[in-house]
Every structure is written in structure tokens, then in C-alpha cells.
């Protein structure tokens, strides 16, 4: 579609990490942070939680913005099939890192694109990307020092892989290198193309 007819693009997230990732596509977009209860449902699988919340975020913002493409995303980290949330403070973050050291943690990053334009042939696209992260077996002193430096208390898993937290990681396995940070751009660009968005426009 011609640039003049490009739809309004909205990121349904207050995350600075997702905002930075989306800006890499060099498309104009707005940010609206939805008010969503992110508490997992009873007996809900991690992937189901991530998919449900990504869709809920996008749909919540869709009610506020007509004729738009709305991007919702959510991430759930798991160890031994148990969800790992955002620590919120130093004590919880240290406990998370101690539990994860030398272990594999799976990050389920869900992405949802809602197209509420009239006549859209792809009104909703949704998928989840799994990232398997192996953490290094580091002593408490190093884990504590890392937390003091970067303070990743708003990150599930207590580590910022886009920052110094990469030094905690021994290996990352995923089909999308941006999924771990919170917004799978390979999946997103595929969805945007399906919605008719031109990604390369001079």
C-alpha cells in the first residue's frame, strides 16, 4: 500500500524494551499501555498465559483506536514448568538467579497483531516463540554484583540479555534473536506483511 495509506501502528505496551525493538523497523508508531491483569489462570500452561495476555493487551487497545494495527506481546519465563515472574526487588531477583544458575530456562514470548480496519482479511494473527536460555553456574557474589549494577527487577528471570545480563548466559537457542528481549521481530514482520504493510519504502 502507498505510504500515505499506511495504517496507524500502535504498540500496546509500556515496555521500553519493546519500544526500542519496534523502532528498529523504522515505521512510525504510537504507544498505548493497556491496563491488564497479568495474573496466570489456575492450571494455565505458560504458553497459554503468554498468548492470552498478548491478545488481551492488543484487543484492549483496539477498543481505543479505530482503523489501526495493534501489537500486543507478553513473555512468560519457566523453570521446571513453573512460571518465573518479575522479581520486583533485589532479594527476589537474587533468589531467582540462584535457582536458575546452571539450568535451562524457557522464555515463551507471545505476539498478537490485531487489525481492526474495515474489511481486513487478517483481523487477528497470533503466535508464540520459545527461547531456551542456559544460565552459567556463577557464585552468589557475582550474581549479587550483577544485580547491584543493572537492577533488572522489572525483568522476568532477573537478567537483561540486551545489557550486562548477557554475561550470566552460557547459551541461547531460538528461532528469533529478538524474542528474548520481548518482541519477536521476525514473527512481527511476517504478520505486518500479511496485513499489507510495506516494510521497505523510500
N, C-alpha and C. Protein backbone atom coordinates (compact mmCIF):
# COMPACT_ATOMS: atom_id res chain seq x y z
N UNK A 1 0.84 -1.18 0.00
CA UNK A 1 0.00 0.00 0.00
C UNK A 1 0.88 1.24 0.00
N UNK A 2 0.44 2.35 -0.61
CA UNK A 2 1.22 3.57 -0.64
C UNK A 2 1.47 4.08 0.77
N UNK A 3 2.62 4.73 1.01
CA UNK A 3 2.91 5.24 2.34
C UNK A 3 1.80 6.11 2.91
N UNK A 4 1.10 6.88 2.06
CA UNK A 4 0.06 7.78 2.52
C UNK A 4 -1.13 7.01 3.09
N UNK A 5 -1.27 5.73 2.67
CA UNK A 5 -2.38 4.92 3.13
C UNK A 5 -1.96 3.93 4.20
N UNK A 6 -0.74 4.04 4.69
CA UNK A 6 -0.25 3.13 5.71
C UNK A 6 -1.11 3.26 6.96
N UNK A 7 -1.48 2.14 7.57
CA UNK A 7 -2.34 2.20 8.76
C UNK A 7 -1.59 2.73 9.97
N UNK A 8 -2.35 3.22 10.92
CA UNK A 8 -1.75 3.63 12.18
C UNK A 8 -1.28 2.39 12.91
N UNK A 9 -0.05 2.41 13.39
CA UNK A 9 0.55 1.28 14.10
C UNK A 9 0.66 1.65 15.57
N UNK A 10 0.17 0.77 16.43
CA UNK A 10 0.17 1.04 17.87
C UNK A 10 0.81 -0.12 18.62
N UNK A 11 1.73 0.20 19.51
CA UNK A 11 2.34 -0.80 20.39
C UNK A 11 1.56 -0.78 21.70
N UNK A 12 0.90 -1.89 22.01
CA UNK A 12 0.10 -1.98 23.23
C UNK A 12 0.99 -2.43 24.39
N UNK A 13 1.89 -1.58 24.78
CA UNK A 13 2.84 -1.92 25.83
C UNK A 13 3.54 -0.68 26.35
N UNK A 14 3.80 -0.68 27.65
CA UNK A 14 4.57 0.41 28.23
C UNK A 14 6.04 0.05 28.37
N UNK A 15 6.44 -1.09 27.81
CA UNK A 15 7.81 -1.58 27.94
C UNK A 15 8.78 -0.79 27.08
N UNK A 16 9.82 -0.26 27.70
CA UNK A 16 10.85 0.47 26.96
C UNK A 16 11.62 -0.48 26.06
N UNK A 17 11.73 -1.75 26.45
CA UNK A 17 12.45 -2.74 25.65
C UNK A 17 11.70 -3.01 24.35
N UNK A 18 10.39 -3.20 24.45
CA UNK A 18 9.60 -3.45 23.24
C UNK A 18 9.56 -2.21 22.34
N UNK A 19 9.51 -1.06 22.94
CA UNK A 19 9.51 0.18 22.15
C UNK A 19 10.80 0.30 21.34
N UNK A 20 11.93 -0.01 21.98
CA UNK A 20 13.21 0.07 21.27
C UNK A 20 13.27 -0.94 20.14
N UNK A 21 12.78 -2.15 20.39
CA UNK A 21 12.80 -3.18 19.34
C UNK A 21 11.93 -2.77 18.16
N UNK A 22 10.72 -2.29 18.42
CA UNK A 22 9.82 -1.90 17.33
C UNK A 22 10.40 -0.75 16.52
N UNK A 23 11.11 0.15 17.17
CA UNK A 23 11.70 1.29 16.46
C UNK A 23 12.73 0.85 15.42
N UNK A 24 13.27 -0.37 15.55
CA UNK A 24 14.24 -0.87 14.58
C UNK A 24 13.62 -1.03 13.18
N UNK A 25 12.32 -1.21 13.12
CA UNK A 25 11.66 -1.39 11.82
C UNK A 25 11.47 -0.06 11.09
N UNK A 26 11.75 1.04 11.77
CA UNK A 26 11.70 2.38 11.16
C UNK A 26 10.31 2.70 10.60
N UNK A 27 9.30 2.24 11.30
CA UNK A 27 7.92 2.56 10.98
C UNK A 27 7.38 3.49 12.07
N UNK A 28 6.61 4.51 11.71
CA UNK A 28 6.01 5.37 12.74
C UNK A 28 5.00 4.57 13.57
N UNK A 29 5.01 4.77 14.86
CA UNK A 29 4.05 4.08 15.72
C UNK A 29 3.78 4.89 16.97
N UNK A 30 2.62 4.62 17.56
CA UNK A 30 2.24 5.21 18.83
C UNK A 30 2.31 4.14 19.91
N UNK A 31 2.32 4.58 21.15
CA UNK A 31 2.36 3.66 22.28
C UNK A 31 1.17 3.92 23.18
N UNK A 32 0.41 2.88 23.46
CA UNK A 32 -0.68 2.94 24.43
C UNK A 32 -0.52 1.75 25.35
N UNK A 33 -0.38 2.01 26.63
CA UNK A 33 -0.17 0.94 27.60
C UNK A 33 -1.52 0.48 28.16
N UNK A 34 -1.91 -0.77 27.92
CA UNK A 34 -3.20 -1.24 28.41
C UNK A 34 -3.15 -1.60 29.89
N UNK A 35 -4.29 -1.53 30.54
CA UNK A 35 -4.40 -1.91 31.95
C UNK A 35 -4.95 -3.32 32.00
N UNK A 36 -4.05 -4.30 32.09
CA UNK A 36 -4.42 -5.71 32.02
C UNK A 36 -3.92 -6.44 33.27
N UNK A 37 -4.76 -7.26 33.84
CA UNK A 37 -4.35 -8.13 34.95
C UNK A 37 -3.53 -9.27 34.37
N UNK A 38 -2.26 -9.35 34.73
CA UNK A 38 -1.37 -10.36 34.16
C UNK A 38 -1.24 -11.61 35.02
N UNK A 39 -2.13 -11.78 35.97
CA UNK A 39 -2.08 -12.97 36.83
C UNK A 39 -2.42 -14.22 36.03
N UNK A 40 -1.58 -15.25 36.09
CA UNK A 40 -1.90 -16.51 35.38
C UNK A 40 -3.17 -17.14 35.93
N UNK A 41 -3.92 -17.80 35.06
CA UNK A 41 -5.11 -18.51 35.49
C UNK A 41 -4.73 -19.87 36.08
N UNK A 42 -5.59 -20.41 36.89
CA UNK A 42 -5.32 -21.70 37.52
C UNK A 42 -5.16 -22.80 36.46
N UNK A 43 -4.11 -23.57 36.60
CA UNK A 43 -3.80 -24.69 35.68
C UNK A 43 -3.51 -24.24 34.25
N UNK A 44 -3.18 -22.99 34.08
CA UNK A 44 -2.87 -22.47 32.74
C UNK A 44 -1.41 -22.75 32.40
N UNK A 45 -1.18 -23.28 31.21
CA UNK A 45 0.19 -23.54 30.77
C UNK A 45 0.88 -22.22 30.43
N UNK A 46 2.21 -22.17 30.56
CA UNK A 46 2.95 -20.92 30.30
C UNK A 46 2.67 -20.33 28.93
N UNK A 47 2.67 -21.16 27.90
CA UNK A 47 2.40 -20.64 26.56
C UNK A 47 0.99 -20.08 26.46
N UNK A 48 0.05 -20.73 27.12
CA UNK A 48 -1.33 -20.26 27.12
C UNK A 48 -1.44 -18.90 27.81
N UNK A 49 -0.71 -18.73 28.90
CA UNK A 49 -0.72 -17.45 29.61
C UNK A 49 -0.19 -16.34 28.71
N UNK A 50 0.96 -16.59 28.09
CA UNK A 50 1.58 -15.58 27.23
C UNK A 50 0.67 -15.22 26.06
N UNK A 51 0.09 -16.22 25.41
CA UNK A 51 -0.80 -15.96 24.27
C UNK A 51 -2.05 -15.21 24.70
N UNK A 52 -2.63 -15.60 25.81
CA UNK A 52 -3.85 -14.94 26.29
C UNK A 52 -3.59 -13.47 26.60
N UNK A 53 -2.49 -13.21 27.28
CA UNK A 53 -2.19 -11.84 27.68
C UNK A 53 -1.80 -10.96 26.48
N UNK A 54 -1.06 -11.53 25.53
CA UNK A 54 -0.71 -10.77 24.33
C UNK A 54 -1.96 -10.36 23.58
N UNK A 55 -2.89 -11.29 23.45
CA UNK A 55 -4.15 -10.99 22.76
C UNK A 55 -4.99 -9.99 23.55
N UNK A 56 -5.04 -10.16 24.86
CA UNK A 56 -5.83 -9.26 25.70
C UNK A 56 -5.31 -7.82 25.63
N UNK A 57 -3.99 -7.67 25.62
CA UNK A 57 -3.39 -6.33 25.53
C UNK A 57 -3.75 -5.66 24.20
N UNK A 58 -3.59 -6.41 23.11
CA UNK A 58 -3.88 -5.85 21.79
C UNK A 58 -5.36 -5.49 21.65
N UNK A 59 -6.23 -6.37 22.12
CA UNK A 59 -7.67 -6.12 22.00
C UNK A 59 -8.13 -4.97 22.89
N UNK A 60 -7.50 -4.82 24.05
CA UNK A 60 -7.85 -3.71 24.94
C UNK A 60 -7.56 -2.37 24.28
N UNK A 61 -6.41 -2.28 23.62
CA UNK A 61 -6.05 -1.03 22.94
C UNK A 61 -6.87 -0.85 21.67
N UNK A 62 -7.26 -1.96 21.03
CA UNK A 62 -8.06 -1.88 19.80
C UNK A 62 -9.39 -1.18 20.05
N UNK A 63 -9.91 -1.28 21.27
CA UNK A 63 -11.17 -0.61 21.58
C UNK A 63 -11.01 0.90 21.67
N UNK A 64 -9.77 1.35 21.77
CA UNK A 64 -9.49 2.79 21.90
C UNK A 64 -9.05 3.42 20.61
N UNK A 65 -8.74 2.61 19.59
CA UNK A 65 -8.17 3.13 18.35
C UNK A 65 -8.76 2.41 17.14
N UNK A 66 -9.55 3.11 16.35
CA UNK A 66 -10.13 2.52 15.14
C UNK A 66 -9.13 2.54 14.00
N UNK A 67 -9.36 1.67 13.02
CA UNK A 67 -8.57 1.63 11.78
C UNK A 67 -7.07 1.61 12.05
N UNK A 68 -6.66 0.69 12.90
CA UNK A 68 -5.26 0.61 13.30
C UNK A 68 -4.77 -0.83 13.31
N UNK A 69 -3.46 -0.97 13.36
CA UNK A 69 -2.81 -2.25 13.61
C UNK A 69 -2.24 -2.17 15.02
N UNK A 70 -2.66 -3.08 15.88
CA UNK A 70 -2.25 -3.01 17.28
C UNK A 70 -1.41 -4.24 17.62
N UNK A 71 -0.24 -3.98 18.21
CA UNK A 71 0.71 -5.04 18.56
C UNK A 71 0.66 -5.30 20.05
N UNK A 72 0.33 -6.53 20.42
CA UNK A 72 0.37 -6.94 21.81
C UNK A 72 1.41 -8.03 22.00
N UNK A 73 2.09 -8.02 23.11
CA UNK A 73 3.11 -9.04 23.36
C UNK A 73 3.20 -9.32 24.85
N UNK A 74 3.55 -10.55 25.18
CA UNK A 74 3.73 -10.91 26.59
C UNK A 74 4.77 -12.02 26.66
N UNK A 75 5.46 -12.05 27.77
CA UNK A 75 6.50 -13.06 27.94
C UNK A 75 6.37 -13.76 29.28
N UNK A 76 6.47 -15.08 29.25
CA UNK A 76 6.43 -15.88 30.47
C UNK A 76 7.68 -16.75 30.51
N UNK A 77 8.43 -16.65 31.60
CA UNK A 77 9.63 -17.47 31.79
C UNK A 77 9.28 -18.66 32.67
N UNK A 78 9.86 -19.83 32.34
CA UNK A 78 9.56 -21.03 33.13
C UNK A 78 10.82 -21.82 33.45
N UNK A 79 10.82 -22.38 34.63
CA UNK A 79 11.86 -23.30 35.07
C UNK A 79 11.17 -24.51 35.68
N UNK A 80 11.44 -25.69 35.14
CA UNK A 80 10.76 -26.91 35.60
C UNK A 80 9.25 -26.75 35.53
N UNK A 81 8.80 -26.10 34.44
CA UNK A 81 7.37 -25.91 34.15
C UNK A 81 6.68 -24.94 35.10
N UNK A 82 7.44 -24.28 35.97
CA UNK A 82 6.87 -23.28 36.86
C UNK A 82 7.19 -21.88 36.34
N UNK A 83 6.19 -21.01 36.38
CA UNK A 83 6.37 -19.66 35.86
C UNK A 83 7.26 -18.83 36.78
N UNK A 84 8.13 -18.04 36.15
CA UNK A 84 9.02 -17.14 36.87
C UNK A 84 8.60 -15.71 36.53
N UNK A 85 8.14 -14.99 37.50
CA UNK A 85 7.66 -13.63 37.25
C UNK A 85 8.75 -12.58 37.39
N UNK A 86 8.35 -11.32 37.32
CA UNK A 86 9.28 -10.22 37.54
C UNK A 86 9.57 -10.14 39.04
N UNK A 87 10.84 -10.07 39.42
CA UNK A 87 11.18 -10.16 40.85
C UNK A 87 10.71 -8.96 41.67
N UNK A 88 10.84 -7.77 41.12
CA UNK A 88 10.38 -6.58 41.83
C UNK A 88 11.37 -5.98 42.80
N UNK A 89 12.26 -6.80 43.37
CA UNK A 89 13.26 -6.25 44.29
C UNK A 89 14.52 -7.13 44.27
N UNK A 90 15.54 -6.68 44.98
CA UNK A 90 16.84 -7.34 44.95
C UNK A 90 16.79 -8.75 45.55
N UNK A 91 16.13 -8.89 46.65
CA UNK A 91 16.10 -10.19 47.34
C UNK A 91 15.47 -11.27 46.46
N UNK A 92 14.33 -10.95 45.84
CA UNK A 92 13.67 -11.92 44.97
C UNK A 92 14.49 -12.19 43.71
N UNK A 93 15.13 -11.13 43.18
CA UNK A 93 15.95 -11.31 41.98
C UNK A 93 17.12 -12.24 42.25
N UNK A 94 17.78 -12.07 43.40
CA UNK A 94 18.91 -12.95 43.74
C UNK A 94 18.44 -14.40 43.89
N UNK A 95 17.28 -14.58 44.50
CA UNK A 95 16.75 -15.93 44.67
C UNK A 95 16.45 -16.57 43.30
N UNK A 96 15.95 -15.76 42.36
CA UNK A 96 15.69 -16.27 41.01
C UNK A 96 16.98 -16.72 40.34
N UNK A 97 17.99 -15.87 40.37
CA UNK A 97 19.26 -16.19 39.71
C UNK A 97 19.92 -17.41 40.36
N UNK A 98 19.82 -17.53 41.66
CA UNK A 98 20.40 -18.69 42.35
C UNK A 98 19.71 -19.97 41.90
N UNK A 99 18.41 -19.89 41.72
CA UNK A 99 17.64 -21.07 41.30
C UNK A 99 17.91 -21.44 39.85
N UNK A 100 18.22 -20.44 39.01
CA UNK A 100 18.39 -20.68 37.58
C UNK A 100 19.81 -21.02 37.18
N UNK A 101 20.79 -20.74 38.02
CA UNK A 101 22.18 -20.93 37.61
C UNK A 101 22.47 -22.39 37.25
N UNK A 102 23.17 -22.55 36.13
CA UNK A 102 23.49 -23.88 35.64
C UNK A 102 22.30 -24.62 35.07
N UNK A 103 21.16 -23.93 34.89
CA UNK A 103 19.94 -24.57 34.45
C UNK A 103 19.43 -23.95 33.15
N UNK A 104 18.50 -24.65 32.51
CA UNK A 104 17.83 -24.13 31.31
C UNK A 104 16.49 -23.50 31.70
N UNK A 105 16.27 -22.29 31.21
CA UNK A 105 15.02 -21.58 31.43
C UNK A 105 14.38 -21.32 30.07
N UNK A 106 13.09 -21.59 29.96
CA UNK A 106 12.39 -21.37 28.70
C UNK A 106 11.58 -20.08 28.80
N UNK A 107 11.80 -19.19 27.85
CA UNK A 107 11.05 -17.94 27.77
C UNK A 107 10.04 -18.06 26.63
N UNK A 108 8.77 -17.97 26.96
CA UNK A 108 7.69 -18.04 25.97
C UNK A 108 7.26 -16.61 25.66
N UNK A 109 7.55 -16.14 24.46
CA UNK A 109 7.21 -14.78 24.07
C UNK A 109 6.09 -14.82 23.04
N UNK A 110 4.93 -14.35 23.44
CA UNK A 110 3.76 -14.36 22.56
C UNK A 110 3.59 -13.02 21.88
N UNK A 111 3.09 -13.08 20.66
CA UNK A 111 2.89 -11.87 19.85
C UNK A 111 1.50 -11.93 19.22
N UNK A 112 0.78 -10.82 19.28
CA UNK A 112 -0.55 -10.74 18.68
C UNK A 112 -0.66 -9.44 17.89
N UNK A 113 -1.15 -9.55 16.67
CA UNK A 113 -1.40 -8.36 15.85
C UNK A 113 -2.89 -8.31 15.54
N UNK A 114 -3.55 -7.27 16.02
CA UNK A 114 -4.97 -7.06 15.76
C UNK A 114 -5.12 -5.99 14.69
N UNK A 115 -5.84 -6.31 13.63
CA UNK A 115 -6.10 -5.38 12.53
C UNK A 115 -7.59 -5.05 12.56
N UNK A 116 -7.93 -3.88 13.08
CA UNK A 116 -9.34 -3.52 13.20
C UNK A 116 -9.81 -2.58 12.09
N UNK A 117 -9.08 -2.58 10.96
CA UNK A 117 -9.52 -1.82 9.81
C UNK A 117 -10.70 -2.52 9.15
N UNK A 118 -11.61 -1.77 8.62
CA UNK A 118 -12.78 -2.33 7.95
C UNK A 118 -12.35 -3.18 6.75
N UNK A 119 -12.88 -4.40 6.67
CA UNK A 119 -12.59 -5.26 5.53
C UNK A 119 -11.27 -6.00 5.63
N UNK A 120 -10.62 -5.97 6.78
CA UNK A 120 -9.35 -6.67 6.93
C UNK A 120 -9.52 -8.17 6.72
N UNK A 121 -8.58 -8.77 5.97
CA UNK A 121 -8.62 -10.22 5.75
C UNK A 121 -7.84 -10.98 6.82
N UNK A 122 -7.07 -10.25 7.63
CA UNK A 122 -6.31 -10.87 8.72
C UNK A 122 -6.57 -10.08 10.01
N UNK A 123 -7.78 -10.17 10.56
CA UNK A 123 -8.12 -9.35 11.74
C UNK A 123 -7.30 -9.68 12.97
N UNK A 124 -6.85 -10.94 13.09
CA UNK A 124 -6.05 -11.31 14.25
C UNK A 124 -5.02 -12.37 13.86
N UNK A 125 -3.76 -12.07 14.18
CA UNK A 125 -2.67 -13.02 13.98
C UNK A 125 -1.97 -13.19 15.32
N UNK A 126 -1.67 -14.43 15.68
CA UNK A 126 -1.08 -14.66 16.99
C UNK A 126 -0.17 -15.88 16.95
N UNK A 127 0.94 -15.81 17.66
CA UNK A 127 1.84 -16.95 17.78
C UNK A 127 2.77 -16.76 18.97
N UNK A 128 3.44 -17.84 19.36
CA UNK A 128 4.38 -17.78 20.47
C UNK A 128 5.74 -18.30 20.01
N UNK A 129 6.79 -17.65 20.46
CA UNK A 129 8.16 -18.04 20.12
C UNK A 129 8.88 -18.46 21.40
N UNK A 130 9.44 -19.64 21.39
CA UNK A 130 10.15 -20.15 22.57
C UNK A 130 11.65 -19.88 22.46
N UNK A 131 12.24 -19.47 23.56
CA UNK A 131 13.68 -19.26 23.64
C UNK A 131 14.21 -20.03 24.83
N UNK A 132 15.19 -20.90 24.58
CA UNK A 132 15.78 -21.69 25.67
C UNK A 132 17.11 -21.05 26.07
N UNK A 133 17.19 -20.66 27.31
CA UNK A 133 18.38 -19.96 27.81
C UNK A 133 19.07 -20.82 28.87
N UNK A 134 20.35 -21.09 28.67
CA UNK A 134 21.14 -21.81 29.67
C UNK A 134 21.96 -20.78 30.45
N UNK A 135 21.76 -20.75 31.76
CA UNK A 135 22.47 -19.79 32.60
C UNK A 135 23.77 -20.41 33.13
N UNK A 136 24.78 -19.57 33.26
CA UNK A 136 26.05 -20.02 33.80
C UNK A 136 25.94 -20.29 35.30
N UNK A 137 26.74 -21.20 35.78
CA UNK A 137 26.75 -21.55 37.21
C UNK A 137 27.73 -20.62 37.92
N UNK A 138 27.23 -19.47 38.31
CA UNK A 138 28.08 -18.43 38.90
C UNK A 138 27.85 -18.35 40.41
N UNK A 139 28.87 -17.94 41.17
CA UNK A 139 28.74 -17.83 42.63
C UNK A 139 27.84 -16.67 43.04
N UNK A 140 27.36 -16.73 44.27
CA UNK A 140 26.45 -15.71 44.78
C UNK A 140 27.02 -14.30 44.66
N UNK A 141 28.32 -14.16 44.90
CA UNK A 141 28.94 -12.83 44.88
C UNK A 141 28.80 -12.18 43.50
N UNK A 142 28.98 -12.96 42.46
CA UNK A 142 28.86 -12.41 41.11
C UNK A 142 27.40 -12.09 40.77
N UNK A 143 26.49 -12.95 41.18
CA UNK A 143 25.08 -12.70 40.94
C UNK A 143 24.63 -11.43 41.66
N UNK A 144 25.06 -11.28 42.89
CA UNK A 144 24.72 -10.09 43.67
C UNK A 144 25.31 -8.83 43.05
N UNK A 145 26.55 -8.92 42.60
CA UNK A 145 27.20 -7.76 41.98
C UNK A 145 26.48 -7.35 40.69
N UNK A 146 26.09 -8.34 39.91
CA UNK A 146 25.35 -8.03 38.68
C UNK A 146 24.07 -7.28 39.00
N UNK A 147 23.32 -7.77 39.97
CA UNK A 147 22.05 -7.12 40.33
C UNK A 147 22.27 -5.70 40.84
N UNK A 148 23.34 -5.49 41.59
CA UNK A 148 23.65 -4.15 42.10
C UNK A 148 23.93 -3.19 40.95
N UNK A 149 24.56 -3.70 39.89
CA UNK A 149 24.94 -2.85 38.75
C UNK A 149 23.73 -2.54 37.85
N UNK A 150 22.99 -3.59 37.47
CA UNK A 150 21.97 -3.39 36.43
C UNK A 150 20.54 -3.27 36.97
N UNK A 151 20.29 -3.78 38.15
CA UNK A 151 18.98 -3.69 38.79
C UNK A 151 17.83 -4.10 37.84
N UNK A 152 17.85 -5.34 37.37
CA UNK A 152 16.85 -5.79 36.40
C UNK A 152 15.57 -6.30 37.07
N UNK A 153 15.04 -5.52 38.00
CA UNK A 153 13.93 -6.01 38.82
C UNK A 153 12.58 -6.01 38.09
N UNK A 154 12.57 -5.41 36.89
CA UNK A 154 11.34 -5.41 36.09
C UNK A 154 11.38 -6.46 34.98
N UNK A 155 12.34 -7.37 35.06
CA UNK A 155 12.52 -8.38 34.01
C UNK A 155 12.26 -9.78 34.56
N UNK A 156 11.41 -10.54 33.89
CA UNK A 156 11.22 -11.93 34.26
C UNK A 156 12.53 -12.68 34.06
N UNK A 157 12.99 -13.33 35.11
CA UNK A 157 14.28 -14.01 35.03
C UNK A 157 15.43 -13.19 35.58
N UNK A 158 15.17 -11.94 35.94
CA UNK A 158 16.15 -11.10 36.63
C UNK A 158 17.45 -10.88 35.88
N UNK A 159 17.37 -10.80 34.54
CA UNK A 159 18.57 -10.54 33.75
C UNK A 159 18.20 -9.83 32.45
N UNK A 160 18.96 -8.79 32.12
CA UNK A 160 18.74 -8.07 30.86
C UNK A 160 19.74 -8.59 29.83
N UNK A 161 19.27 -9.44 28.94
CA UNK A 161 20.19 -10.02 27.97
C UNK A 161 20.73 -8.98 26.99
N UNK A 162 20.02 -7.87 26.83
CA UNK A 162 20.50 -6.81 25.94
C UNK A 162 21.51 -5.91 26.64
N UNK A 163 21.77 -6.18 27.91
CA UNK A 163 22.74 -5.42 28.68
C UNK A 163 23.81 -6.33 29.27
N UNK A 164 24.25 -6.00 30.48
CA UNK A 164 25.30 -6.78 31.13
C UNK A 164 24.83 -8.19 31.48
N UNK A 165 23.52 -8.40 31.53
CA UNK A 165 22.98 -9.70 31.85
C UNK A 165 23.41 -10.79 30.89
N UNK A 166 23.87 -10.42 29.71
CA UNK A 166 24.33 -11.42 28.74
C UNK A 166 25.50 -12.22 29.32
N UNK A 167 26.23 -11.64 30.28
CA UNK A 167 27.37 -12.33 30.89
C UNK A 167 26.93 -13.44 31.83
N UNK A 168 25.64 -13.48 32.17
CA UNK A 168 25.12 -14.56 33.00
C UNK A 168 24.75 -15.78 32.18
N UNK A 169 24.70 -15.60 30.86
CA UNK A 169 24.14 -16.62 29.97
C UNK A 169 25.24 -17.41 29.27
N UNK A 170 25.05 -18.71 29.23
CA UNK A 170 26.00 -19.59 28.56
C UNK A 170 25.57 -19.90 27.13
N UNK A 171 24.24 -19.96 26.91
CA UNK A 171 23.74 -20.31 25.57
C UNK A 171 22.30 -19.83 25.41
N UNK A 172 21.97 -19.41 24.16
CA UNK A 172 20.61 -19.02 23.81
C UNK A 172 20.21 -19.78 22.55
N UNK A 173 19.06 -20.43 22.60
CA UNK A 173 18.55 -21.15 21.43
C UNK A 173 17.14 -20.65 21.10
N UNK A 174 16.99 -20.12 19.89
CA UNK A 174 15.68 -19.59 19.49
C UNK A 174 15.64 -19.39 17.99
N UNK A 175 14.43 -19.35 17.43
CA UNK A 175 14.26 -19.05 16.01
C UNK A 175 14.25 -17.56 15.76
N UNK A 176 14.23 -16.76 16.83
CA UNK A 176 14.13 -15.30 16.68
C UNK A 176 14.99 -14.63 17.74
N UNK A 177 16.09 -14.00 17.38
CA UNK A 177 17.00 -13.43 18.38
C UNK A 177 16.41 -12.28 19.18
N UNK A 178 15.32 -11.68 18.69
CA UNK A 178 14.72 -10.56 19.42
C UNK A 178 13.62 -11.01 20.38
N UNK A 179 13.23 -12.27 20.30
CA UNK A 179 12.14 -12.75 21.15
C UNK A 179 12.48 -12.65 22.63
N UNK A 180 13.71 -12.95 22.99
CA UNK A 180 14.10 -12.95 24.39
C UNK A 180 13.96 -11.57 25.02
N UNK A 181 14.21 -10.53 24.25
CA UNK A 181 14.10 -9.17 24.77
C UNK A 181 12.64 -8.75 24.91
N UNK A 182 11.73 -9.45 24.23
CA UNK A 182 10.32 -9.17 24.48
C UNK A 182 9.43 -8.93 23.28
N UNK A 183 10.00 -8.83 22.06
CA UNK A 183 9.17 -8.59 20.88
C UNK A 183 9.79 -9.32 19.69
N UNK A 184 9.24 -10.45 19.28
CA UNK A 184 9.83 -11.23 18.19
C UNK A 184 9.65 -10.53 16.84
N UNK A 185 10.69 -9.88 16.36
CA UNK A 185 10.57 -9.07 15.15
C UNK A 185 10.43 -9.91 13.88
N UNK A 186 11.00 -11.11 13.86
CA UNK A 186 10.84 -11.95 12.67
C UNK A 186 9.37 -12.31 12.50
N UNK A 187 8.74 -12.72 13.58
CA UNK A 187 7.30 -13.03 13.53
C UNK A 187 6.49 -11.78 13.23
N UNK A 188 6.86 -10.66 13.83
CA UNK A 188 6.10 -9.43 13.63
C UNK A 188 6.16 -8.96 12.19
N UNK A 189 7.33 -8.99 11.58
CA UNK A 189 7.42 -8.53 10.19
C UNK A 189 6.63 -9.45 9.27
N UNK A 190 6.57 -10.72 9.59
CA UNK A 190 5.74 -11.65 8.81
C UNK A 190 4.26 -11.27 8.94
N UNK A 191 3.84 -10.93 10.15
CA UNK A 191 2.45 -10.53 10.37
C UNK A 191 2.12 -9.22 9.67
N UNK A 192 3.05 -8.28 9.74
CA UNK A 192 2.82 -6.97 9.11
C UNK A 192 2.71 -7.12 7.59
N UNK A 193 3.53 -7.97 7.02
CA UNK A 193 3.43 -8.22 5.58
C UNK A 193 2.06 -8.82 5.23
N UNK A 194 1.60 -9.75 6.04
CA UNK A 194 0.30 -10.38 5.80
C UNK A 194 -0.82 -9.34 5.89
N UNK A 195 -0.59 -8.29 6.69
CA UNK A 195 -1.58 -7.22 6.83
C UNK A 195 -1.42 -6.14 5.76
N UNK A 196 -0.46 -6.33 4.84
CA UNK A 196 -0.29 -5.40 3.74
C UNK A 196 0.64 -4.23 4.00
N UNK A 197 1.42 -4.30 5.06
CA UNK A 197 2.34 -3.20 5.39
C UNK A 197 3.63 -3.34 4.59
N UNK A 198 4.03 -2.28 3.94
CA UNK A 198 5.29 -2.27 3.21
C UNK A 198 6.42 -1.88 4.16
N UNK A 199 7.40 -2.77 4.31
CA UNK A 199 8.48 -2.54 5.26
C UNK A 199 9.64 -1.78 4.66
N UNK A 200 9.77 -1.81 3.34
CA UNK A 200 10.86 -1.10 2.68
C UNK A 200 10.26 -0.06 1.73
N UNK A 201 10.18 1.18 2.18
CA UNK A 201 9.60 2.25 1.40
C UNK A 201 10.54 3.45 1.40
N UNK A 202 10.95 3.87 0.23
CA UNK A 202 11.84 5.03 0.13
C UNK A 202 11.01 6.29 -0.08
